[in-house]
C-alpha atoms as a PDB file:
ATOM      1  CA  MET A   1       0.204   0.026   0.104  1.00  0.00           C
ATOM      2  CA  ASP A   2       1.354   3.584  -0.843  1.00  0.00           C
ATOM      3  CA  GLU A   3       1.511   5.971   2.489  1.00  0.00           C
ATOM      4  CA  ASN A   4      -1.830   7.638   1.309  1.00  0.00           C
ATOM      5  CA  ASN A   5      -3.966   4.289   1.408  1.00  0.00           C
ATOM      6  CA  GLN A   6      -1.983   3.240   4.633  1.00  0.00           C
ATOM      7  CA  LYS A   7      -3.134   6.079   6.128  1.00  0.00           C
ATOM      8  CA  LYS A   8      -6.929   5.789   5.229  1.00  0.00           C
ATOM      9  CA  TYR A   9      -6.468   1.986   6.425  1.00  0.00           C
ATOM     10  CA  LYS A  10      -5.037   3.014   9.628  1.00  0.00           C
ATOM     11  CA  LYS A  11      -7.912   5.476  10.161  1.00  0.00           C
ATOM     12  CA  ASP A  12     -10.432   2.667   8.790  1.00  0.00           C
ATOM     13  CA  THR A  13      -8.866   0.180  11.171  1.00  0.00           C
ATOM     14  CA  ILE A  14      -9.070   2.643  13.867  1.00  0.00           C
ATOM     15  CA  ASN A  15     -12.757   3.464  13.568  1.00  0.00           C
ATOM     16  CA  ARG A  16     -13.663  -0.549  13.249  1.00  0.00           C
ATOM     17  CA  TYR A  17     -11.756  -1.723  16.414  1.00  0.00           C
ATOM     18  CA  GLY A  18     -10.573   1.220  18.501  1.00  0.00           C
ATOM     19  CA  ARG A  19      -7.175   2.796  18.804  1.00  0.00           C
ATOM     20  CA  LYS A  20      -6.441   0.321  21.800  1.00  0.00           C
ATOM     21  CA  SER A  21      -6.847  -2.735  19.387  1.00  0.00           C
ATOM     22  CA  PHE A  22      -5.044  -1.013  16.762  1.00  0.00           C
ATOM     23  CA  LYS A  23      -2.079  -0.193  18.867  1.00  0.00           C
ATOM     24  CA  LYS A  24      -2.164  -3.818  20.350  1.00  0.00           C
ATOM     25  CA  ALA A  25      -1.922  -5.341  16.822  1.00  0.00           C
ATOM     26  CA  ASN A  26       0.685  -2.938  15.934  1.00  0.00           C
ATOM     27  CA  ARG A  27       3.067  -3.746  19.213  1.00  0.00           C
ATOM     28  CA  SER A  28       2.716  -7.446  18.643  1.00  0.00           C
ATOM     29  CA  ILE A  29       4.132  -7.046  15.049  1.00  0.00           C
ATOM     30  CA  LYS A  30       6.883  -4.994  16.127  1.00  0.00           C
ATOM     31  CA  LYS A  31       7.791  -7.646  18.668  1.00  0.00           C
ATOM     32  CA  MET A  32       8.173 -10.198  15.937  1.00  0.00           C
ATOM     33  CA  SER A  33      11.139 -10.773  14.524  1.00  0.00           C
ATOM     34  CA  SER A  34      11.992 -10.609  10.828  1.00  0.00           C
ATOM     35  CA  ALA A  35      11.616 -14.492  10.667  1.00  0.00           C
ATOM     36  CA  GLU A  36       8.654 -14.434  12.592  1.00  0.00           C
ATOM     37  CA  TRP A  37       7.122 -11.948  10.821  1.00  0.00           C
ATOM     38  CA  GLU A  38       8.031 -13.632   7.534  1.00  0.00           C
ATOM     39  CA  ASN A  39       6.612 -17.105   8.754  1.00  0.00           C
ATOM     40  CA  TYR A  40       3.175 -15.118   9.456  1.00  0.00           C
ATOM     41  CA  GLN A  41       3.106 -13.657   6.463  1.00  0.00           C
ATOM     42  CA  THR A  42       4.056 -17.144   4.523  1.00  0.00           C
ATOM     43  CA  ASN A  43       1.300 -18.863   6.617  1.00  0.00           C
ATOM     44  CA  LEU A  44      -1.318 -16.275   5.823  1.00  0.00           C
ATOM     45  CA  ASN A  45      -0.611 -16.132   2.276  1.00  0.00           C
ATOM     46  CA  ASN A  46      -0.796 -20.027   2.130  1.00  0.00           C
ATOM     47  CA  LEU A  47      -4.025 -20.054   3.537  1.00  0.00           C
ATOM     48  CA  ILE A  48      -5.719 -17.585   1.642  1.00  0.00           C
ATOM     49  CA  GLN A  49      -4.404 -19.337  -1.430  1.00  0.00           C
ATOM     50  CA  GLU A  50      -5.915 -22.581  -0.316  1.00  0.00           C
ATOM     51  CA  ILE A  51      -9.196 -20.731   0.455  1.00  0.00           C
ATOM     52  CA  ALA A  52      -9.174 -19.019  -3.061  1.00  0.00           C
ATOM     53  CA  ASP A  53      -8.443 -22.395  -4.535  1.00  0.00           C
ATOM     54  CA  SER A  54     -11.269 -24.249  -2.705  1.00  0.00           C
ATOM     55  CA  MET A  55     -13.839 -21.498  -3.747  1.00  0.00           C
ATOM     56  CA  ASP A  56     -14.499 -22.899  -7.194  1.00  0.00           C
ATOM     57  CA  ASN A  57     -15.607 -26.261  -6.090  1.00  0.00           C
ATOM     58  CA  ASN A  58     -16.871 -25.278  -2.510  1.00  0.00           C
ATOM     59  CA  SER A  59     -19.420 -22.920  -0.851  1.00  0.00           C
ATOM     60  CA  TYR A  60     -18.392 -20.681   1.764  1.00  0.00           C
ATOM     61  CA  ASP A  61     -20.445 -22.348   4.205  1.00  0.00           C
ATOM     62  CA  SER A  62     -18.763 -25.838   3.218  1.00  0.00           C
ATOM     63  CA  LYS A  63     -16.830 -27.835   5.646  1.00  0.00           C
ATOM     64  CA  LYS A  64     -13.532 -27.785   4.056  1.00  0.00           C
ATOM     65  CA  VAL A  65     -13.899 -23.955   3.586  1.00  0.00           C
ATOM     66  CA  GLN A  66     -15.099 -23.394   7.378  1.00  0.00           C
ATOM     67  CA  LYS A  67     -12.038 -25.817   8.365  1.00  0.00           C
ATOM     68  CA  LEU A  68      -9.736 -23.097   6.630  1.00  0.00           C
ATOM     69  CA  ILE A  69     -11.687 -20.111   8.080  1.00  0.00           C
ATOM     70  CA  THR A  70     -11.145 -21.555  11.740  1.00  0.00           C
ATOM     71  CA  LYS A  71      -7.491 -21.453  10.770  1.00  0.00           C
ATOM     72  CA  HIS A  72      -7.417 -18.154   9.403  1.00  0.00           C
ATOM     73  CA  PHE A  73      -9.696 -16.961  12.602  1.00  0.00           C
ATOM     74  CA  LYS A  74      -6.671 -18.511  14.804  1.00  0.00           C
ATOM     75  CA  LEU A  75      -3.860 -17.108  12.766  1.00  0.00           C
ATOM     76  CA  VAL A  76      -5.422 -13.663  12.945  1.00  0.00           C
ATOM     77  CA  GLY A  77      -5.881 -14.026  16.553  1.00  0.00           C
ATOM     78  CA  THR A  78      -2.171 -14.343  16.973  1.00  0.00           C
ATOM     79  CA  LEU A  79      -1.468 -10.650  16.469  1.00  0.00           C
ATOM     80  CA  ASN A  80      -4.495  -9.524  18.575  1.00  0.00           C
ATOM     81  CA  PRO A  81      -7.008 -11.278  20.163  1.00  0.00           C
ATOM     82  CA  THR A  82     -10.046 -11.886  17.969  1.00  0.00           C
ATOM     83  CA  THR A  83     -13.677 -11.577  18.948  1.00  0.00           C
ATOM     84  CA  LYS A  84     -16.247 -13.326  16.953  1.00  0.00           C
ATOM     85  CA  GLU A  85     -17.845  -9.426  16.777  1.00  0.00           C
ATOM     86  CA  SER A  86     -14.329  -8.158  15.498  1.00  0.00           C
ATOM     87  CA  TYR A  87     -13.934 -10.993  13.011  1.00  0.00           C
ATOM     88  CA  ILE A  88     -17.310  -9.861  11.548  1.00  0.00           C
ATOM     89  CA  GLU A  89     -15.869  -6.336  11.444  1.00  0.00           C
ATOM     90  CA  LEU A  90     -12.536  -7.617   9.593  1.00  0.00           C
ATOM     91  CA  ALA A  91     -14.806  -9.749   7.306  1.00  0.00           C
ATOM     92  CA  ASN A  92     -16.446  -6.580   6.073  1.00  0.00           C
ATOM     93  CA  LEU A  93     -13.343  -4.481   5.736  1.00  0.00           C
ATOM     94  CA  TYR A  94     -12.285  -7.301   3.484  1.00  0.00           C
ATOM     95  CA  LYS A  95     -15.080  -6.630   0.996  1.00  0.00           C
ATOM     96  CA  GLU A  96     -15.485  -2.851   1.715  1.00  0.00           C
ATOM     97  CA  HIS A  97     -11.763  -1.883   1.646  1.00  0.00           C
ATOM     98  CA  GLU A  98     -10.801  -0.857  -2.252  1.00  0.00           C
ATOM     99  CA  ASP A  99      -7.200  -2.334  -1.345  1.00  0.00           C
ATOM    100  CA  PHE A 100      -8.367  -5.498   0.032  1.00  0.00           C
ATOM    101  CA  VAL A 101     -10.986  -6.074  -2.730  1.00  0.00           C
ATOM    102  CA  VAL A 102      -8.095  -5.682  -5.267  1.00  0.00           C
ATOM    103  CA  PHE A 103      -5.345  -7.915  -2.950  1.00  0.00           C
ATOM    104  CA  PHE A 104      -7.735 -10.714  -2.426  1.00  0.00           C
ATOM    105  CA  ASN A 105      -9.309 -10.968  -5.937  1.00  0.00           C
ATOM    106  CA  ASN A 106      -5.753 -11.149  -7.480  1.00  0.00           C
ATOM    107  CA  TYR A 107      -5.836 -14.881  -5.643  1.00  0.00           C
ATOM    108  CA  ASN A 108      -9.052 -15.737  -7.429  1.00  0.00           C
ATOM    109  CA  GLU A 109     -11.606 -13.516  -8.946  1.00  0.00           C
ATOM    110  CA  GLY A 110     -14.346 -12.991  -6.096  1.00  0.00           C
ATOM    111  CA  LEU A 111     -12.392 -14.089  -3.063  1.00  0.00           C
ATOM    112  CA  SER A 112     -13.098 -10.946  -1.347  1.00  0.00           C
ATOM    113  CA  GLU A 113     -16.673 -11.507  -1.324  1.00  0.00           C
ATOM    114  CA  PHE A 114     -16.405 -15.232  -0.781  1.00  0.00           C
ATOM    115  CA  LEU A 115     -13.804 -14.872   2.115  1.00  0.00           C
ATOM    116  CA  SER A 116     -16.012 -11.980   3.538  1.00  0.00           C
ATOM    117  CA  LYS A 117     -19.309 -14.503   3.341  1.00  0.00           C
ATOM    118  CA  ALA A 118     -17.288 -17.634   4.685  1.00  0.00           C
ATOM    119  CA  MET A 119     -15.900 -15.417   7.665  1.00  0.00           C
ATOM    120  CA  ILE A 120     -19.032 -13.962   8.698  1.00  0.00           C
ATOM    121  CA  TYR A 121     -20.788 -17.451   8.639  1.00  0.00           C
ATOM    122  CA  PHE A 122     -18.090 -18.767  10.842  1.00  0.00           C
ATOM    123  CA  ALA A 123     -18.456 -16.227  13.408  1.00  0.00           C
ATOM    124  CA  ARG A 124     -22.412 -16.388  13.363  1.00  0.00           C
ATOM    125  CA  GLU A 125     -22.204 -20.407  13.660  1.00  0.00           C
ATOM    126  CA  ASP A 126     -19.687 -20.842  15.804  1.00  0.00           C
ATOM    127  CA  SER A 127     -21.340 -18.545  18.414  1.00  0.00           C
ATOM    128  CA  ARG A 128     -24.178 -20.378  18.387  1.00  0.00           C
ATOM    129  CA  LYS A 129     -22.850 -23.472  19.158  1.00  0.00           C
END
């Protein structure tokens, strides 16, 4: 992201999650070594690719996709404890923020919307259990 988009993303993130949550996530990232950050990014990239690859043959609420979403929820939570409500907000950010739409759709056209639906389904269904 360029500097303008970073500022926009920061503002949007603070509006959705609060300044405290944003700062906590940033502290977690800054505490990571380069190798830890690279490992996190690699794991996230591989997981997003798996979701993208599975979307053509599975619905967002399928067991296969939901298993991947569970992994995503846990991985995202390593930076900042994630509640079901904040996960829904993240899902909305993924489908509403132009940079995220472009980013995810580079994996597979329509992934942004698919991922968002899968995340919201996960958060709502899991909370009913």
